[in-house]
Amino acid sequence: MADIALSLTKVDKIYQRRGKPPVHAVKSLDMAVERGEIIALLGSSGCGKTSTLRMIAGFEAVSNGDIVLADRRIDQLPPARRGVAMAFEGYSLYPPLTVRDNIAFALKSARLSAKDVEKRVAEISRLVEIEEILDRYPSSISGGQQQRASLARALVRRADLYLLDEPMGQLEPQLRAVLRGRLKSLLVERRMTSIFVTHDQTEANALADRIAVMEAGVLQQFASQKELRDRPANLFVATFVGEPPMNVFEAAVENGERLRFKVTAGPTFDFASSEIPLPVRQAIGGRERAVVGVRPHAIRLGGGLNEARIVSNQWLGDQSHLAMDVAGKLLVAVSHKPIAAKAGEKIRYDAAAADLHVFDAATEAAVSHGLETA
């Protein structure tokens, strides 16, 4: 049985605005986080991920629902009694204190010895590379340095849960990559149950054990990186997760001796029914229309039923990205070898049955993934 550190049950956040309709920022959110697990809240701006983090921390009131951490219900407790450490996107350092004293503040409040405080501050400062600014004040350091100091102040504490709001958003790419690896090692080694907010898929994939994808206040899917990529729960997750994102087309469905998906003025994906397991054909059922998707890496170039005009062909050093005009929409294909074709030329392509994703045209829920039902 899983060792659950944090659970959110039917959590809502509704912002009341004077003279304006209320905003339902988080809608009936259910989530269970295991002890020592690293979770990413991933989504676009305004999807509800930061509101969720702030409700857990206690900086926003819960409109409905329960939050339980370390077997204690905490949604009615003040922030200081929740056992939560948080690094803010907006830094929130104490201006009158040096960086050293900002990091040490919570440790001194916990009445640790001066020697232990000094040791912990030195360790975490080395990890985020701010040793040289420890005796400076927040107003005299850069935004990126302030962000690292805020991160250090959260990580130096002993807490039941660590909440990180865009923890490295202000850092240059090279330093960000280095710190990402160090942060992951620290969290794993010390089994620090953590939730971080990000809109960066690379960061989510690099750090998280599981990713919670949110949109319009709703948790769309909570799963591993592989599950999100291979078995997206709906059309939103399919097109949001992945770089480049999944290609999708609405298509007419023929489900007889052959299973065909025919896009108006576009490609036809045509398979003998014997290639498709019966449960998948039954799931697709009597639909006349569906949305069919295929990941760019699964597009097979240079042969097949379909032909498209190349719009662009970019070699990125280790892979080619081809953008092709299909029925007035772009179809993107990725190849791990150079493709000798120029913009304006035509190229043939296809996809295997095992690489197609089918979604209900009305509800956008997944119907099947390759040769398995959703």
Protein backbone atom coordinates (compact mmCIF):
# COMPACT_ATOMS: atom_id res chain seq x y z
CA MET A 1 0.00 0.00 0.00
CA ALA A 2 1.30 3.44 -0.97
CA ASP A 3 2.70 5.65 1.79
CA ILE A 4 0.66 8.82 1.18
CA ALA A 5 2.26 12.04 2.42
CA LEU A 6 -0.25 14.55 1.02
CA SER A 7 -3.81 14.23 -0.17
CA LEU A 8 -6.16 16.81 -1.66
CA THR A 9 -9.84 15.84 -1.78
CA LYS A 10 -12.41 17.78 -3.83
CA VAL A 11 -10.45 21.01 -3.42
CA ASP A 12 -11.94 24.16 -4.94
CA LYS A 13 -10.64 27.71 -5.15
CA ILE A 14 -13.20 30.39 -6.01
CA TYR A 15 -12.08 34.02 -6.10
CA GLN A 16 -14.91 36.43 -5.31
CA ARG A 17 -14.58 39.74 -7.14
CA ARG A 18 -16.60 42.79 -6.21
CA GLY A 19 -18.92 43.74 -9.05
CA LYS A 20 -17.65 40.93 -11.26
CA PRO A 21 -18.46 37.23 -11.65
CA PRO A 22 -16.46 34.90 -9.38
CA VAL A 23 -13.46 33.06 -10.85
CA HIS A 24 -13.40 29.28 -10.26
CA ALA A 25 -9.61 28.88 -10.39
CA VAL A 26 -9.36 25.27 -9.12
CA LYS A 27 -12.19 22.80 -9.59
CA SER A 28 -12.76 19.70 -7.45
CA LEU A 29 -9.08 18.71 -7.37
CA ASP A 30 -8.23 15.21 -6.13
CA MET A 31 -4.56 14.30 -5.76
CA ALA A 32 -2.52 11.90 -3.61
CA VAL A 33 1.26 12.35 -3.32
CA GLU A 34 3.45 9.58 -1.95
CA ARG A 35 6.13 10.18 0.66
CA GLY A 36 9.41 11.20 -1.02
CA GLU A 37 7.71 11.76 -4.37
CA ILE A 38 8.54 14.74 -6.60
CA ILE A 39 5.49 16.14 -8.37
CA ALA A 40 5.27 18.80 -11.09
CA LEU A 41 2.18 20.94 -11.61
CA LEU A 42 2.35 21.68 -15.33
CA GLY A 43 0.11 23.99 -17.31
CA SER A 44 -0.26 27.31 -19.05
CA SER A 45 -0.65 30.64 -17.22
CA GLY A 46 -3.93 30.86 -15.33
CA CYS A 47 -4.58 27.10 -15.25
CA GLY A 48 -4.76 26.96 -11.43
CA LYS A 49 -1.38 25.48 -10.58
CA THR A 50 -0.07 28.38 -8.45
CA SER A 51 -3.46 28.72 -6.68
CA THR A 52 -3.16 25.03 -5.80
CA LEU A 53 0.33 25.52 -4.40
CA ARG A 54 -0.73 28.55 -2.36
CA MET A 55 -3.73 26.70 -0.88
CA ILE A 56 -1.45 23.89 0.29
CA ALA A 57 0.96 26.45 1.80
CA GLY A 58 -1.88 28.33 3.49
CA PHE A 59 -1.52 31.63 1.65
CA GLU A 60 -4.91 31.15 -0.03
CA ALA A 61 -8.00 29.85 1.72
CA VAL A 62 -9.60 26.66 0.43
CA SER A 63 -13.13 27.35 -0.84
CA ASN A 64 -14.16 23.67 -0.52
CA GLY A 65 -12.45 20.37 0.17
CA ASP A 66 -9.76 18.92 2.46
CA ILE A 67 -5.96 18.97 2.48
CA VAL A 68 -4.19 16.36 4.63
CA LEU A 69 -0.41 16.37 5.15
CA ALA A 70 1.50 13.83 7.28
CA ASP A 71 -1.81 12.47 8.62
CA ARG A 72 -2.98 15.95 9.77
CA ARG A 73 -5.71 18.01 8.17
CA ILE A 74 -3.97 21.32 7.47
CA ASP A 75 -6.37 23.42 5.38
CA GLN A 76 -7.62 25.24 8.51
CA LEU A 77 -4.15 25.73 10.04
CA PRO A 78 -2.05 28.92 9.71
CA PRO A 79 0.96 28.59 7.35
CA ALA A 80 3.52 28.42 10.16
CA ARG A 81 1.89 25.30 11.63
CA ARG A 82 1.58 23.28 8.42
CA GLY A 83 5.09 21.83 8.18
CA VAL A 84 5.52 23.26 4.69
CA ALA A 85 8.55 25.05 3.19
CA MET A 86 7.92 27.20 0.12
CA ALA A 87 10.12 28.97 -2.41
CA PHE A 88 8.19 31.76 -4.11
CA GLU A 89 8.46 32.81 -7.74
CA GLY A 90 8.60 36.39 -6.43
CA TYR A 91 11.54 35.64 -4.07
CA SER A 92 10.01 37.24 -0.88
CA LEU A 93 13.34 37.70 0.88
CA TYR A 94 13.51 39.90 3.98
CA PRO A 95 15.14 43.18 2.79
CA PRO A 96 16.81 44.12 6.14
CA LEU A 97 18.58 40.76 6.37
CA THR A 98 21.64 39.53 4.48
CA VAL A 99 21.27 36.55 2.20
CA ARG A 100 22.96 34.43 4.88
CA ASP A 101 20.48 35.54 7.53
CA ASN A 102 17.54 35.07 5.17
CA ILE A 103 18.53 31.44 4.62
CA ALA A 104 19.24 30.87 8.32
CA PHE A 105 16.06 32.56 9.56
CA ALA A 106 13.90 29.42 9.84
CA LEU A 107 16.80 27.44 11.35
CA LYS A 108 17.29 30.00 14.11
CA SER A 109 13.55 29.95 14.77
CA ALA A 110 13.88 26.17 15.22
CA ARG A 111 16.56 26.85 17.86
CA LEU A 112 19.39 24.96 16.18
CA SER A 113 22.90 25.57 17.44
CA ALA A 114 24.99 28.22 15.70
CA LYS A 115 27.32 25.50 14.42
CA ASP A 116 24.48 23.47 12.86
CA VAL A 117 22.98 26.60 11.30
CA GLU A 118 26.33 27.57 9.78
CA LYS A 119 26.85 24.05 8.40
CA ARG A 120 23.42 23.83 6.77
CA VAL A 121 23.64 27.32 5.27
CA ALA A 122 27.06 26.52 3.80
CA GLU A 123 25.82 23.22 2.29
CA ILE A 124 22.74 24.66 0.62
CA SER A 125 24.63 27.76 -0.57
CA ARG A 126 27.16 25.58 -2.37
CA LEU A 127 24.36 23.60 -4.00
CA VAL A 128 22.74 26.71 -5.53
CA GLU A 129 26.08 28.53 -6.09
CA ILE A 130 25.53 31.65 -3.97
CA GLU A 131 28.45 31.40 -1.50
CA GLU A 132 29.93 34.68 -2.76
CA ILE A 133 26.79 36.74 -2.01
CA LEU A 134 25.92 35.46 1.48
CA ASP A 135 26.86 38.74 3.16
CA ARG A 136 25.04 40.97 0.69
CA TYR A 137 21.48 42.30 0.96
CA PRO A 138 18.61 41.34 -1.38
CA SER A 139 18.46 44.80 -2.94
CA SER A 140 22.08 44.51 -4.12
CA ILE A 141 21.83 41.17 -5.98
CA SER A 142 20.28 40.15 -9.30
CA GLY A 143 16.87 38.57 -9.82
CA GLY A 144 18.47 35.21 -10.54
CA GLN A 145 20.53 35.39 -7.35
CA GLN A 146 17.44 36.34 -5.34
CA GLN A 147 15.63 33.35 -6.78
CA ARG A 148 18.45 31.01 -5.76
CA ALA A 149 18.50 32.53 -2.28
CA SER A 150 14.75 31.98 -1.96
CA LEU A 151 15.19 28.38 -3.09
CA ALA A 152 18.00 27.86 -0.56
CA ARG A 153 15.85 29.31 2.24
CA ALA A 154 13.14 26.73 1.52
CA LEU A 155 15.43 23.74 1.03
CA VAL A 156 17.53 24.33 4.15
CA ARG A 157 14.52 23.64 6.38
CA ARG A 158 13.29 20.28 7.65
CA ALA A 159 9.67 20.11 6.51
CA ASP A 160 6.98 17.56 5.68
CA LEU A 161 6.52 19.11 2.23
CA TYR A 162 8.49 21.41 -0.07
CA LEU A 163 6.60 23.70 -2.46
CA LEU A 164 8.57 25.35 -5.25
CA ASP A 165 6.89 27.97 -7.46
CA GLU A 166 8.82 28.28 -10.74
CA PRO A 167 12.02 27.70 -8.72
CA MET A 168 14.48 28.39 -11.54
CA GLY A 169 12.47 30.56 -13.91
CA GLN A 170 14.89 33.53 -13.74
CA LEU A 171 18.10 31.56 -14.33
CA GLU A 172 20.13 31.39 -17.52
CA PRO A 173 19.83 28.01 -19.34
CA GLN A 174 23.31 26.63 -18.50
CA LEU A 175 23.04 27.32 -14.76
CA ARG A 176 19.45 26.12 -14.79
CA ALA A 177 20.50 22.74 -16.21
CA VAL A 178 23.25 22.32 -13.61
CA LEU A 179 21.02 23.26 -10.66
CA ARG A 180 18.22 21.03 -11.93
CA GLY A 181 20.50 18.00 -11.59
CA ARG A 182 21.70 19.03 -8.13
CA LEU A 183 18.17 19.75 -6.93
CA LYS A 184 16.93 16.36 -8.14
CA SER A 185 19.80 14.60 -6.34
CA LEU A 186 19.08 16.46 -3.09
CA LEU A 187 15.34 15.75 -3.17
CA VAL A 188 15.83 12.06 -3.97
CA GLU A 189 18.67 11.49 -1.51
CA ARG A 190 16.74 13.04 1.40
CA ARG A 191 13.31 11.77 0.27
CA MET A 192 11.92 15.30 0.36
CA THR A 193 8.27 15.18 -0.68
CA SER A 194 8.02 18.04 -3.17
CA ILE A 195 5.60 19.80 -5.48
CA PHE A 196 6.85 22.37 -7.96
CA VAL A 197 5.01 24.60 -10.40
CA THR A 198 6.35 25.02 -13.91
CA HIS A 199 5.27 25.75 -17.46
CA ASP A 200 8.53 24.23 -18.76
CA GLN A 201 8.07 20.64 -19.94
CA THR A 202 11.82 19.98 -19.92
CA GLU A 203 11.98 20.95 -16.26
CA ALA A 204 8.93 18.83 -15.42
CA ASN A 205 10.37 15.79 -17.21
CA ALA A 206 13.81 16.21 -15.64
CA LEU A 207 12.70 16.65 -12.04
CA ALA A 208 9.34 14.98 -11.49
CA ASP A 209 8.36 11.41 -10.71
CA ARG A 210 4.83 12.26 -11.86
CA ILE A 211 3.29 15.26 -13.58
CA ALA A 212 -0.13 16.79 -12.92
CA VAL A 213 -1.35 18.50 -16.10
CA MET A 214 -3.86 21.27 -15.39
CA GLU A 215 -6.03 23.42 -17.64
CA ALA A 216 -8.84 25.85 -16.75
CA GLY A 217 -8.67 24.80 -13.09
CA VAL A 218 -9.18 21.10 -13.87
CA LEU A 219 -6.67 18.30 -13.35
CA GLN A 220 -6.54 16.75 -16.81
CA GLN A 221 -4.18 13.86 -16.02
CA PHE A 222 -1.80 12.87 -13.21
CA ALA A 223 0.75 10.35 -14.43
CA SER A 224 4.36 9.57 -15.28
CA GLN A 225 6.07 11.23 -18.23
CA LYS A 226 5.81 8.01 -20.25
CA GLU A 227 2.10 7.62 -19.52
CA LEU A 228 1.39 11.22 -20.54
CA ARG A 229 3.27 10.75 -23.80
CA ASP A 230 2.03 7.27 -24.72
CA ARG A 231 -1.47 7.28 -23.21
CA PRO A 232 -2.80 10.87 -22.96
CA ALA A 233 -6.21 10.93 -21.27
CA ASN A 234 -7.68 13.46 -23.67
CA LEU A 235 -6.97 15.71 -26.61
CA PHE A 236 -5.72 18.57 -24.44
CA VAL A 237 -3.01 16.44 -22.82
CA ALA A 238 -2.11 14.91 -26.20
CA THR A 239 -1.45 18.30 -27.77
CA PHE A 240 -0.02 20.03 -24.68
CA VAL A 241 2.55 17.42 -23.68
CA GLY A 242 5.38 16.70 -26.09
CA GLU A 243 7.81 18.75 -28.15
CA PRO A 244 6.87 19.06 -30.94
CA PRO A 245 3.24 18.39 -29.92
CA MET A 246 1.08 15.59 -31.33
CA ASN A 247 -0.37 16.08 -34.82
CA VAL A 248 -4.17 15.79 -34.72
CA PHE A 249 -6.85 15.77 -37.44
CA GLU A 250 -10.58 15.27 -37.40
CA ALA A 251 -11.37 12.38 -39.72
CA ALA A 252 -14.25 10.33 -41.09
CA VAL A 253 -14.20 6.75 -39.79
CA GLU A 254 -14.85 3.56 -41.78
CA ASN A 255 -14.87 0.54 -39.49
CA GLY A 256 -15.48 -2.56 -41.59
CA GLU A 257 -13.16 -5.04 -43.29
CA ARG A 258 -10.66 -2.22 -43.22
CA LEU A 259 -10.33 0.50 -40.58
CA ARG A 260 -9.86 3.84 -42.28
CA PHE A 261 -9.46 7.38 -40.97
CA LYS A 262 -9.99 9.84 -43.82
CA VAL A 263 -9.17 13.52 -43.34
CA THR A 264 -11.01 15.86 -45.70
CA ALA A 265 -8.55 16.80 -48.49
CA GLY A 266 -5.84 15.26 -46.31
CA PRO A 267 -4.29 11.93 -45.37
CA THR A 268 -5.93 8.53 -45.14
CA PHE A 269 -4.70 6.07 -42.54
CA ASP A 270 -5.82 2.67 -43.80
CA PHE A 271 -5.39 -0.70 -42.07
CA ALA A 272 -6.72 -4.21 -42.53
CA SER A 273 -9.08 -4.92 -39.65
CA SER A 274 -7.02 -8.01 -38.87
CA GLU A 275 -4.18 -5.63 -37.85
CA ILE A 276 -6.37 -4.03 -35.18
CA PRO A 277 -7.33 -5.97 -32.03
CA LEU A 278 -11.07 -6.48 -31.61
CA PRO A 279 -11.31 -4.43 -28.36
CA VAL A 280 -9.88 -1.39 -30.19
CA ARG A 281 -12.30 -1.77 -33.12
CA GLN A 282 -15.16 -2.11 -30.65
CA ALA A 283 -14.01 0.99 -28.73
CA ILE A 284 -13.95 3.00 -31.95
CA GLY A 285 -17.38 1.48 -32.53
CA GLY A 286 -19.94 3.07 -34.80
CA ARG A 287 -18.42 6.55 -34.78
CA GLU A 288 -18.71 8.36 -38.08
CA ARG A 289 -16.06 10.86 -37.04
CA ALA A 290 -13.14 10.89 -34.61
CA VAL A 291 -9.97 12.84 -33.97
CA VAL A 292 -6.86 10.90 -34.94
CA GLY A 293 -3.43 11.82 -33.63
CA VAL A 294 0.15 10.78 -34.26
CA ARG A 295 3.34 11.93 -32.56
CA PRO A 296 5.90 13.64 -34.87
CA HIS A 297 8.53 10.98 -34.10
CA ALA A 298 6.12 8.27 -35.33
CA ILE A 299 5.57 9.73 -38.80
CA ARG A 300 7.27 7.43 -41.35
CA LEU A 301 8.82 9.49 -44.15
CA GLY A 302 9.63 8.47 -47.72
CA GLY A 303 6.82 6.02 -48.43
CA GLY A 304 3.19 5.17 -47.78
CA LEU A 305 -0.22 6.26 -48.97
CA ASN A 306 -0.01 9.97 -48.33
CA GLU A 307 1.82 12.88 -49.91
CA ALA A 308 2.43 16.38 -48.55
CA ARG A 309 4.25 19.56 -49.56
CA ILE A 310 7.22 20.48 -47.38
CA VAL A 311 6.95 23.91 -45.78
CA SER A 312 10.25 23.80 -43.90
CA ASN A 313 13.07 21.34 -43.23
CA GLN A 314 15.31 22.07 -40.25
CA TRP A 315 18.34 20.02 -39.19
CA LEU A 316 18.85 20.69 -35.47
CA GLY A 317 22.17 18.90 -35.09
CA ASP A 318 20.75 15.55 -34.01
CA GLN A 319 17.35 15.43 -35.72
CA SER A 320 15.37 16.83 -38.63
CA HIS A 321 12.08 18.66 -38.10
CA LEU A 322 9.88 18.69 -41.20
CA ALA A 323 6.77 20.85 -41.35
CA MET A 324 4.40 19.77 -44.13
CA ASP A 325 1.18 21.26 -45.47
CA VAL A 326 -1.66 18.75 -45.10
CA ALA A 327 -5.22 19.88 -45.83
CA GLY A 328 -4.31 23.43 -44.87
CA LYS A 329 -2.81 22.35 -41.54
CA LEU A 330 0.78 21.73 -40.55
CA LEU A 331 1.88 18.13 -40.05
CA VAL A 332 5.22 17.95 -38.22
CA ALA A 333 7.54 14.97 -38.55
CA VAL A 334 10.80 14.31 -36.72
CA SER A 335 13.62 12.14 -38.07
CA HIS A 336 16.91 11.25 -36.39
CA LYS A 337 18.77 11.53 -39.68
CA PRO A 338 19.04 14.34 -42.24
CA ILE A 339 16.24 14.40 -44.83
CA ALA A 340 17.31 15.46 -48.34
CA ALA A 341 14.25 17.51 -49.26
CA LYS A 342 13.64 21.21 -49.74
CA ALA A 343 10.73 23.51 -49.02
CA GLY A 344 8.18 23.28 -51.82
CA GLU A 345 9.00 19.67 -52.67
CA LYS A 346 6.60 16.81 -51.99
CA ILE A 347 7.28 13.83 -49.79
CA ARG A 348 5.36 10.64 -49.04
CA TYR A 349 4.58 9.61 -45.49
CA ASP A 350 2.50 7.23 -43.39
CA ALA A 351 2.00 6.00 -39.83
CA ALA A 352 1.62 2.53 -38.32
CA ALA A 353 -1.57 1.45 -36.57
CA ALA A 354 0.46 1.02 -33.38
CA ASP A 355 1.29 4.74 -33.42
CA LEU A 356 -2.19 6.20 -33.86
CA HIS A 357 -4.19 7.77 -31.03
CA VAL A 358 -7.96 8.08 -31.42
CA PHE A 359 -10.11 10.59 -29.52
CA ASP A 360 -13.87 11.08 -29.36
CA ALA A 361 -14.75 14.04 -31.59
CA ALA A 362 -17.37 15.37 -29.15
CA THR A 363 -15.89 14.78 -25.68
CA GLU A 364 -12.20 14.79 -26.73
CA ALA A 365 -11.60 11.83 -24.37
CA ALA A 366 -9.12 9.19 -25.52
CA VAL A 367 -10.64 6.11 -27.17
CA SER A 368 -7.53 4.11 -28.06
CA HIS A 369 -3.76 4.33 -28.12
CA GLY A 370 -2.16 2.25 -30.83
CA LEU A 371 -3.31 -1.34 -30.42
CA GLU A 372 -4.82 -0.84 -26.95
CA THR A 373 -8.02 0.76 -25.72
CA ALA A 374 -7.72 3.90 -23.60
